[in-house]
């Protein structure tokens, strides 16, 4: 399983574990919604590279989430995945 960030047509940004299958619809395990990231995060790719900076908002995890309307998938660095999973987030 790879830890990834997924964006959608509806501007959603999600983090979770993927089996590697990429398509219009994807299912993530241990999925979280990235509600907001601070300017210091440096955007979506900053989230994937280093994780959310202070001031960001990340939801609690759900066991499984099916996402529809996928527009991009970025594999997260180990550092970023650990920072997202560390929580708690406001």
Protein backbone atom coordinates (compact mmCIF):
# COMPACT_ATOMS: atom_id res chain seq x y z
CA UNK A 1 0.00 0.00 0.00
CA UNK A 2 1.19 3.50 -0.87
CA UNK A 3 0.33 6.61 1.12
CA UNK A 4 -1.06 9.19 -1.28
CA UNK A 5 -2.81 12.53 -1.62
CA UNK A 6 -5.74 12.58 -4.03
CA UNK A 7 -7.41 15.65 -5.52
CA UNK A 8 -10.89 15.70 -7.04
CA UNK A 9 -12.96 17.64 -9.55
CA UNK A 10 -14.80 19.15 -6.60
CA UNK A 11 -11.55 20.51 -5.11
CA UNK A 12 -11.37 17.90 -2.37
CA UNK A 13 -7.95 16.83 -1.09
CA UNK A 14 -7.71 13.44 0.62
CA UNK A 15 -4.90 11.44 2.23
CA UNK A 16 -4.87 7.67 2.66
CA UNK A 17 -3.48 4.31 1.66
CA UNK A 18 -3.93 3.16 -1.93
CA UNK A 19 -3.34 -0.22 -3.54
CA UNK A 20 -1.78 1.60 -6.50
CA UNK A 21 -4.80 1.49 -8.81
CA UNK A 22 -5.41 4.96 -10.23
CA UNK A 23 -8.68 5.85 -11.91
CA UNK A 24 -11.68 8.18 -11.95
CA UNK A 25 -12.81 6.43 -8.75
CA UNK A 26 -10.42 5.32 -6.01
CA UNK A 27 -10.79 3.69 -2.62
CA UNK A 28 -8.46 4.77 0.19
CA UNK A 29 -7.93 3.08 3.53
CA UNK A 30 -7.33 5.12 6.71
CA UNK A 31 -8.56 8.13 4.73
CA UNK A 32 -8.49 11.74 5.93
CA UNK A 33 -9.78 14.98 4.43
CA UNK A 34 -7.28 17.83 4.26
CA UNK A 35 -9.62 20.69 5.11
CA UNK A 36 -7.07 23.50 4.95
CA UNK A 37 -3.33 23.92 4.74
CA UNK A 38 -1.45 26.99 5.87
CA UNK A 39 0.58 29.12 3.50
CA UNK A 40 3.79 27.68 5.02
CA UNK A 41 2.80 24.24 3.67
CA UNK A 42 3.37 25.51 0.12
CA UNK A 43 0.37 23.95 -1.55
CA UNK A 44 -0.76 20.46 -2.47
CA UNK A 45 2.71 19.25 -3.42
CA UNK A 46 4.10 20.67 -0.20
CA UNK A 47 1.62 18.45 1.64
CA UNK A 48 2.93 15.42 -0.25
CA UNK A 49 6.59 16.38 0.26
CA UNK A 50 6.73 17.51 3.91
CA UNK A 51 3.21 17.39 5.36
CA UNK A 52 0.98 20.10 6.79
CA UNK A 53 2.58 23.06 8.56
CA UNK A 54 1.12 24.47 11.78
CA UNK A 55 -2.25 26.12 11.22
CA UNK A 56 -3.44 23.39 8.83
CA UNK A 57 -6.60 21.36 9.39
CA UNK A 58 -6.83 17.60 8.85
CA UNK A 59 -9.84 15.42 9.69
CA UNK A 60 -9.91 12.25 11.71
CA UNK A 61 -9.40 9.04 9.74
CA UNK A 62 -12.16 6.74 8.51
CA UNK A 63 -11.48 3.06 7.77
CA UNK A 64 -12.38 3.24 4.06
CA UNK A 65 -13.38 6.03 1.68
CA UNK A 66 -14.38 5.82 -1.98
CA UNK A 67 -13.52 8.98 -3.90
CA UNK A 68 -15.20 9.88 -7.20
CA UNK A 69 -13.89 12.41 -9.72
CA UNK A 70 -10.17 11.92 -9.14
CA UNK A 71 -7.98 14.51 -10.90
CA UNK A 72 -4.52 13.75 -9.50
CA UNK A 73 -2.65 11.38 -7.21
CA UNK A 74 0.66 12.22 -5.50
CA UNK A 75 2.67 9.71 -3.50
CA UNK A 76 3.60 11.09 -0.07
CA UNK A 77 7.07 11.05 1.40
CA UNK A 78 7.49 9.12 4.64
CA UNK A 79 7.95 12.47 6.42
CA UNK A 80 4.70 13.87 5.04
CA UNK A 81 2.68 10.73 5.82
CA UNK A 82 3.97 10.67 9.41
CA UNK A 83 3.11 14.37 9.88
CA UNK A 84 -0.43 13.91 8.53
CA UNK A 85 -1.04 10.81 10.65
CA UNK A 86 0.44 12.35 13.81
CA UNK A 87 -2.43 14.73 14.48
CA UNK A 88 -4.38 15.82 16.34
CA UNK A 89 -5.37 18.60 14.00
CA UNK A 90 -7.70 21.49 14.60
